[in-house]
N, C-alpha and C. Protein backbone atom coordinates (compact mmCIF):
# COMPACT_ATOMS: atom_id res chain seq x y z
N MET A 1 -16.38 29.90 -7.32
CA MET A 1 -15.90 28.64 -6.76
C MET A 1 -14.91 28.02 -7.75
N PRO A 2 -13.73 27.63 -7.27
CA PRO A 2 -12.73 27.05 -8.18
C PRO A 2 -13.17 25.68 -8.68
N ASP A 3 -12.72 25.33 -9.87
CA ASP A 3 -13.07 24.02 -10.40
C ASP A 3 -11.95 23.02 -10.10
N LEU A 4 -12.16 21.77 -10.48
CA LEU A 4 -11.20 20.72 -10.18
C LEU A 4 -9.83 21.01 -10.77
N LYS A 5 -9.78 21.51 -12.00
CA LYS A 5 -8.50 21.76 -12.65
C LYS A 5 -7.71 22.83 -11.92
N GLU A 6 -8.37 23.89 -11.47
CA GLU A 6 -7.68 24.95 -10.74
C GLU A 6 -7.09 24.42 -9.43
N ILE A 7 -7.88 23.65 -8.73
CA ILE A 7 -7.39 23.09 -7.46
C ILE A 7 -6.24 22.13 -7.72
N HIS A 8 -6.35 21.31 -8.74
CA HIS A 8 -5.28 20.38 -9.09
C HIS A 8 -4.01 21.14 -9.44
N SER A 9 -4.13 22.21 -10.21
CA SER A 9 -2.96 23.02 -10.57
C SER A 9 -2.32 23.64 -9.34
N ARG A 10 -3.14 24.13 -8.43
CA ARG A 10 -2.62 24.74 -7.20
C ARG A 10 -1.86 23.70 -6.37
N ILE A 11 -2.41 22.51 -6.26
CA ILE A 11 -1.74 21.43 -5.52
C ILE A 11 -0.41 21.10 -6.19
N HIS A 12 -0.42 21.00 -7.51
CA HIS A 12 0.79 20.67 -8.27
C HIS A 12 1.88 21.72 -8.04
N GLU A 13 1.52 22.99 -8.10
CA GLU A 13 2.49 24.07 -7.88
C GLU A 13 3.03 24.06 -6.45
N THR A 14 2.15 23.81 -5.50
CA THR A 14 2.58 23.75 -4.09
C THR A 14 3.54 22.60 -3.88
N LYS A 15 3.28 21.46 -4.50
CA LYS A 15 4.18 20.31 -4.38
C LYS A 15 5.55 20.62 -4.99
N LYS A 16 5.58 21.35 -6.11
CA LYS A 16 6.85 21.72 -6.72
C LYS A 16 7.66 22.63 -5.79
N GLU A 17 6.99 23.58 -5.17
CA GLU A 17 7.67 24.49 -4.23
C GLU A 17 8.18 23.71 -3.02
N LYS A 18 7.37 22.79 -2.51
CA LYS A 18 7.79 21.97 -1.37
C LYS A 18 9.01 21.14 -1.73
N LYS A 19 9.00 20.55 -2.93
CA LYS A 19 10.13 19.73 -3.38
C LYS A 19 11.40 20.57 -3.47
N LYS A 20 11.27 21.78 -3.95
CA LYS A 20 12.42 22.68 -4.08
C LYS A 20 13.01 23.00 -2.70
N LEU A 21 12.17 23.35 -1.75
CA LEU A 21 12.65 23.69 -0.40
C LEU A 21 13.23 22.47 0.30
N THR A 22 12.64 21.32 0.08
CA THR A 22 13.16 20.08 0.67
C THR A 22 14.56 19.78 0.13
N GLY A 23 14.76 20.04 -1.17
CA GLY A 23 16.07 19.83 -1.78
C GLY A 23 17.13 20.74 -1.17
N VAL A 24 16.78 21.98 -0.93
CA VAL A 24 17.71 22.92 -0.30
C VAL A 24 18.10 22.43 1.09
N TYR A 25 17.11 21.98 1.84
CA TYR A 25 17.37 21.47 3.19
C TYR A 25 18.26 20.23 3.16
N ARG A 26 17.99 19.32 2.24
CA ARG A 26 18.80 18.11 2.14
C ARG A 26 20.24 18.44 1.74
N ASP A 27 20.41 19.41 0.87
CA ASP A 27 21.76 19.84 0.49
C ASP A 27 22.52 20.37 1.70
N ALA A 28 21.83 21.15 2.53
CA ALA A 28 22.46 21.69 3.74
C ALA A 28 22.87 20.55 4.67
N LEU A 29 22.03 19.55 4.82
CA LEU A 29 22.37 18.40 5.66
C LEU A 29 23.56 17.64 5.09
N ALA A 30 23.60 17.49 3.79
CA ALA A 30 24.69 16.76 3.15
C ALA A 30 26.03 17.46 3.35
N GLN A 31 26.02 18.77 3.52
CA GLN A 31 27.25 19.53 3.72
C GLN A 31 27.69 19.59 5.18
N SER A 32 26.85 19.12 6.08
CA SER A 32 27.14 19.20 7.51
C SER A 32 27.97 18.00 7.97
N LYS A 33 29.19 18.25 8.42
CA LYS A 33 30.08 17.20 8.90
C LYS A 33 29.51 16.50 10.14
N PRO A 34 29.03 17.24 11.16
CA PRO A 34 28.46 16.55 12.33
C PRO A 34 27.28 15.65 11.96
N TYR A 35 26.45 16.10 11.04
CA TYR A 35 25.31 15.30 10.61
C TYR A 35 25.78 14.03 9.93
N GLN A 36 26.78 14.12 9.10
CA GLN A 36 27.31 12.94 8.41
C GLN A 36 27.92 11.95 9.40
N ASP A 37 28.60 12.47 10.42
CA ASP A 37 29.17 11.60 11.45
C ASP A 37 28.07 10.82 12.18
N VAL A 38 26.98 11.51 12.52
CA VAL A 38 25.87 10.86 13.20
C VAL A 38 25.23 9.82 12.29
N LEU A 39 25.12 10.12 11.00
CA LEU A 39 24.58 9.14 10.06
C LEU A 39 25.43 7.87 10.01
N ASP A 40 26.74 8.04 10.04
CA ASP A 40 27.63 6.87 10.03
C ASP A 40 27.45 6.03 11.30
N GLU A 41 27.35 6.71 12.45
CA GLU A 41 27.12 5.99 13.71
C GLU A 41 25.78 5.26 13.66
N LEU A 42 24.78 5.94 13.14
CA LEU A 42 23.45 5.36 13.05
C LEU A 42 23.45 4.12 12.16
N LYS A 43 24.17 4.19 11.06
CA LYS A 43 24.26 3.05 10.14
C LYS A 43 24.89 1.84 10.85
N ALA A 44 25.95 2.10 11.60
CA ALA A 44 26.61 1.02 12.33
C ALA A 44 25.68 0.42 13.38
N LEU A 45 24.94 1.26 14.08
CA LEU A 45 24.01 0.77 15.09
C LEU A 45 22.86 -0.01 14.46
N LYS A 46 22.38 0.43 13.31
CA LYS A 46 21.31 -0.30 12.63
C LYS A 46 21.78 -1.68 12.20
N THR A 47 23.01 -1.76 11.74
CA THR A 47 23.57 -3.05 11.35
C THR A 47 23.65 -3.98 12.56
N LYS A 48 24.13 -3.45 13.66
CA LYS A 48 24.24 -4.24 14.89
C LYS A 48 22.85 -4.68 15.36
N LYS A 49 21.87 -3.78 15.30
CA LYS A 49 20.50 -4.09 15.69
C LYS A 49 19.94 -5.21 14.82
N SER A 50 20.16 -5.13 13.52
CA SER A 50 19.68 -6.16 12.60
C SER A 50 20.28 -7.52 12.90
N GLN A 51 21.56 -7.54 13.24
CA GLN A 51 22.22 -8.80 13.57
C GLN A 51 21.62 -9.41 14.83
N ILE A 52 21.36 -8.58 15.84
CA ILE A 52 20.76 -9.07 17.08
C ILE A 52 19.36 -9.60 16.82
N GLU A 53 18.57 -8.84 16.03
CA GLU A 53 17.22 -9.28 15.71
C GLU A 53 17.22 -10.61 14.96
N ALA A 54 18.14 -10.77 14.03
CA ALA A 54 18.23 -12.01 13.25
C ALA A 54 18.57 -13.19 14.16
N THR A 55 19.46 -12.98 15.09
CA THR A 55 19.84 -14.04 16.03
C THR A 55 18.64 -14.47 16.88
N ILE A 56 17.90 -13.48 17.37
CA ILE A 56 16.75 -13.79 18.22
C ILE A 56 15.62 -14.39 17.39
N ARG A 57 15.46 -13.92 16.15
CA ARG A 57 14.40 -14.43 15.28
C ARG A 57 14.56 -15.93 15.02
N VAL A 58 15.79 -16.40 14.95
CA VAL A 58 16.04 -17.83 14.74
C VAL A 58 15.44 -18.64 15.89
N ASP A 59 15.54 -18.10 17.10
CA ASP A 59 15.00 -18.80 18.26
C ASP A 59 13.47 -18.83 18.27
N PHE A 60 12.85 -17.91 17.55
CA PHE A 60 11.39 -17.80 17.55
C PHE A 60 10.80 -18.04 16.16
N THR A 61 11.33 -19.00 15.44
CA THR A 61 10.90 -19.26 14.07
C THR A 61 9.41 -19.56 13.98
N ASN A 62 8.92 -20.42 14.85
CA ASN A 62 7.49 -20.78 14.82
C ASN A 62 6.61 -19.57 15.10
N ASP A 63 7.01 -18.77 16.08
CA ASP A 63 6.23 -17.58 16.41
C ASP A 63 6.24 -16.57 15.26
N MET A 64 7.36 -16.45 14.60
CA MET A 64 7.47 -15.51 13.48
C MET A 64 6.59 -15.96 12.31
N GLU A 65 6.53 -17.27 12.07
CA GLU A 65 5.65 -17.80 11.02
C GLU A 65 4.19 -17.54 11.37
N ALA A 66 3.84 -17.74 12.63
CA ALA A 66 2.47 -17.48 13.07
C ALA A 66 2.14 -15.99 12.93
N LEU A 67 3.09 -15.16 13.26
CA LEU A 67 2.90 -13.71 13.13
C LEU A 67 2.66 -13.33 11.67
N GLU A 68 3.38 -13.93 10.77
CA GLU A 68 3.21 -13.66 9.34
C GLU A 68 1.82 -14.11 8.86
N ARG A 69 1.38 -15.29 9.33
CA ARG A 69 0.05 -15.78 8.96
C ARG A 69 -1.04 -14.84 9.49
N LEU A 70 -0.86 -14.36 10.72
CA LEU A 70 -1.83 -13.43 11.29
C LEU A 70 -1.88 -12.13 10.50
N ALA A 71 -0.72 -11.61 10.13
CA ALA A 71 -0.67 -10.37 9.36
C ALA A 71 -1.36 -10.55 8.01
N GLN A 72 -1.14 -11.68 7.36
CA GLN A 72 -1.78 -11.95 6.07
C GLN A 72 -3.29 -12.07 6.24
N GLY A 73 -3.73 -12.73 7.31
CA GLY A 73 -5.16 -12.85 7.58
C GLY A 73 -5.81 -11.50 7.80
N ILE A 74 -5.14 -10.63 8.55
CA ILE A 74 -5.66 -9.28 8.79
C ILE A 74 -5.77 -8.52 7.48
N LYS A 75 -4.77 -8.65 6.64
CA LYS A 75 -4.79 -7.95 5.35
C LYS A 75 -5.95 -8.42 4.49
N SER A 76 -6.14 -9.72 4.39
CA SER A 76 -7.21 -10.23 3.53
C SER A 76 -8.58 -9.88 4.12
N ASP A 77 -8.74 -9.96 5.44
CA ASP A 77 -10.02 -9.59 6.05
C ASP A 77 -10.31 -8.10 5.89
N THR A 78 -9.29 -7.27 5.93
CA THR A 78 -9.47 -5.82 5.74
C THR A 78 -9.95 -5.54 4.31
N GLU A 79 -9.36 -6.23 3.34
CA GLU A 79 -9.80 -6.07 1.96
C GLU A 79 -11.25 -6.53 1.80
N LEU A 80 -11.60 -7.66 2.41
CA LEU A 80 -12.96 -8.18 2.35
C LEU A 80 -13.94 -7.20 2.98
N LEU A 81 -13.59 -6.65 4.12
CA LEU A 81 -14.43 -5.67 4.81
C LEU A 81 -14.65 -4.44 3.93
N SER A 82 -13.60 -3.97 3.31
CA SER A 82 -13.69 -2.81 2.43
C SER A 82 -14.58 -3.10 1.23
N ASP A 83 -14.39 -4.25 0.61
CA ASP A 83 -15.21 -4.63 -0.55
C ASP A 83 -16.68 -4.75 -0.17
N MET A 84 -16.96 -5.38 0.95
CA MET A 84 -18.35 -5.55 1.38
C MET A 84 -18.99 -4.21 1.72
N ALA A 85 -18.26 -3.32 2.37
CA ALA A 85 -18.79 -2.01 2.73
C ALA A 85 -19.09 -1.20 1.47
N LEU A 86 -18.20 -1.25 0.50
CA LEU A 86 -18.41 -0.51 -0.74
C LEU A 86 -19.61 -1.07 -1.50
N THR A 87 -19.76 -2.38 -1.50
CA THR A 87 -20.91 -3.00 -2.16
C THR A 87 -22.22 -2.55 -1.51
N LYS A 88 -22.27 -2.57 -0.17
CA LYS A 88 -23.46 -2.12 0.54
C LYS A 88 -23.74 -0.64 0.26
N PHE A 89 -22.69 0.16 0.22
CA PHE A 89 -22.85 1.60 -0.04
C PHE A 89 -23.42 1.83 -1.43
N MET A 90 -22.91 1.08 -2.41
CA MET A 90 -23.38 1.24 -3.78
C MET A 90 -24.85 0.80 -3.93
N LYS A 91 -25.31 -0.11 -3.07
CA LYS A 91 -26.70 -0.54 -3.09
C LYS A 91 -27.60 0.43 -2.34
N GLY A 92 -26.99 1.46 -1.71
CA GLY A 92 -27.78 2.44 -0.97
C GLY A 92 -28.08 2.04 0.45
N GLU A 93 -27.46 0.99 0.92
CA GLU A 93 -27.68 0.54 2.29
C GLU A 93 -26.79 1.32 3.25
N THR A 94 -27.20 1.36 4.52
CA THR A 94 -26.41 2.02 5.55
C THR A 94 -25.20 1.15 5.87
N VAL A 95 -24.04 1.78 5.94
CA VAL A 95 -22.81 1.06 6.23
C VAL A 95 -22.31 1.54 7.58
N GLU A 96 -22.37 0.64 8.55
CA GLU A 96 -21.97 0.98 9.91
C GLU A 96 -21.63 -0.30 10.65
N ILE A 97 -20.66 -0.22 11.55
CA ILE A 97 -20.27 -1.37 12.38
C ILE A 97 -20.31 -0.92 13.83
N THR A 98 -20.77 -1.80 14.71
CA THR A 98 -20.74 -1.54 16.15
C THR A 98 -19.95 -2.68 16.78
N ASP A 99 -18.91 -2.33 17.57
CA ASP A 99 -18.09 -3.38 18.17
C ASP A 99 -18.68 -3.84 19.50
N GLU A 100 -17.94 -4.70 20.19
CA GLU A 100 -18.43 -5.28 21.44
C GLU A 100 -18.61 -4.27 22.56
N ASN A 101 -18.00 -3.09 22.43
CA ASN A 101 -18.14 -2.03 23.44
C ASN A 101 -19.14 -0.97 23.01
N ASP A 102 -19.97 -1.29 22.04
CA ASP A 102 -20.99 -0.38 21.49
C ASP A 102 -20.38 0.88 20.89
N VAL A 103 -19.16 0.76 20.38
CA VAL A 103 -18.53 1.87 19.66
C VAL A 103 -18.91 1.74 18.20
N ARG A 104 -19.43 2.82 17.62
CA ARG A 104 -19.86 2.80 16.23
C ARG A 104 -18.72 3.22 15.31
N TYR A 105 -18.61 2.54 14.19
CA TYR A 105 -17.62 2.86 13.16
C TYR A 105 -18.37 3.13 11.86
N GLU A 106 -17.97 4.20 11.19
CA GLU A 106 -18.52 4.52 9.89
C GLU A 106 -17.40 4.47 8.87
N PRO A 107 -17.70 4.12 7.62
CA PRO A 107 -16.64 4.05 6.61
C PRO A 107 -16.16 5.44 6.21
N VAL A 108 -14.92 5.49 5.79
CA VAL A 108 -14.34 6.72 5.26
C VAL A 108 -13.90 6.39 3.83
N PHE A 109 -14.46 7.12 2.88
CA PHE A 109 -14.12 6.91 1.49
C PHE A 109 -13.16 7.99 1.05
N ARG A 110 -12.25 7.65 0.16
CA ARG A 110 -11.22 8.57 -0.28
C ARG A 110 -11.12 8.50 -1.80
N VAL A 111 -10.96 9.67 -2.41
CA VAL A 111 -10.76 9.74 -3.85
C VAL A 111 -9.38 10.32 -4.10
N SER A 112 -8.63 9.68 -4.97
CA SER A 112 -7.33 10.22 -5.35
C SER A 112 -7.22 10.10 -6.88
N PHE A 113 -6.32 10.88 -7.44
CA PHE A 113 -6.13 10.87 -8.88
C PHE A 113 -4.71 10.45 -9.21
N LYS A 114 -4.56 9.73 -10.30
CA LYS A 114 -3.23 9.36 -10.79
C LYS A 114 -3.20 9.63 -12.28
N LYS A 115 -2.00 9.75 -12.81
CA LYS A 115 -1.86 10.02 -14.24
C LYS A 115 -2.47 8.89 -15.04
N ALA A 116 -3.16 9.28 -16.09
CA ALA A 116 -3.74 8.28 -16.99
C ALA A 116 -2.65 7.76 -17.90
N ALA A 117 -2.72 6.51 -18.24
CA ALA A 117 -1.70 5.89 -19.08
C ALA A 117 -1.72 6.40 -20.50
């Protein structure tokens, strides 16, 4: 059975190979005249879209502020839910939620690694 270091090394090597192939593909796209033309058209359309959105957003200032407050509330409640679930899990308690339609939800925990400082 492979150990953590072997699996980590395999992932690292696979990511390097993926990065190399992605670079080759991007170079090919950069050399394509039709692709570059479409990118220019897309950029112009995105600018036009942004201008239209900004104009309409001015008309809905109050709604946009409410939307921002709702998004912030969802974010903070999600963090609170996560913290509470982890605390219950660490105490050995069952962590489960049932909604109004009797649908059960179980937590999903994830472990990831980052470089140590």
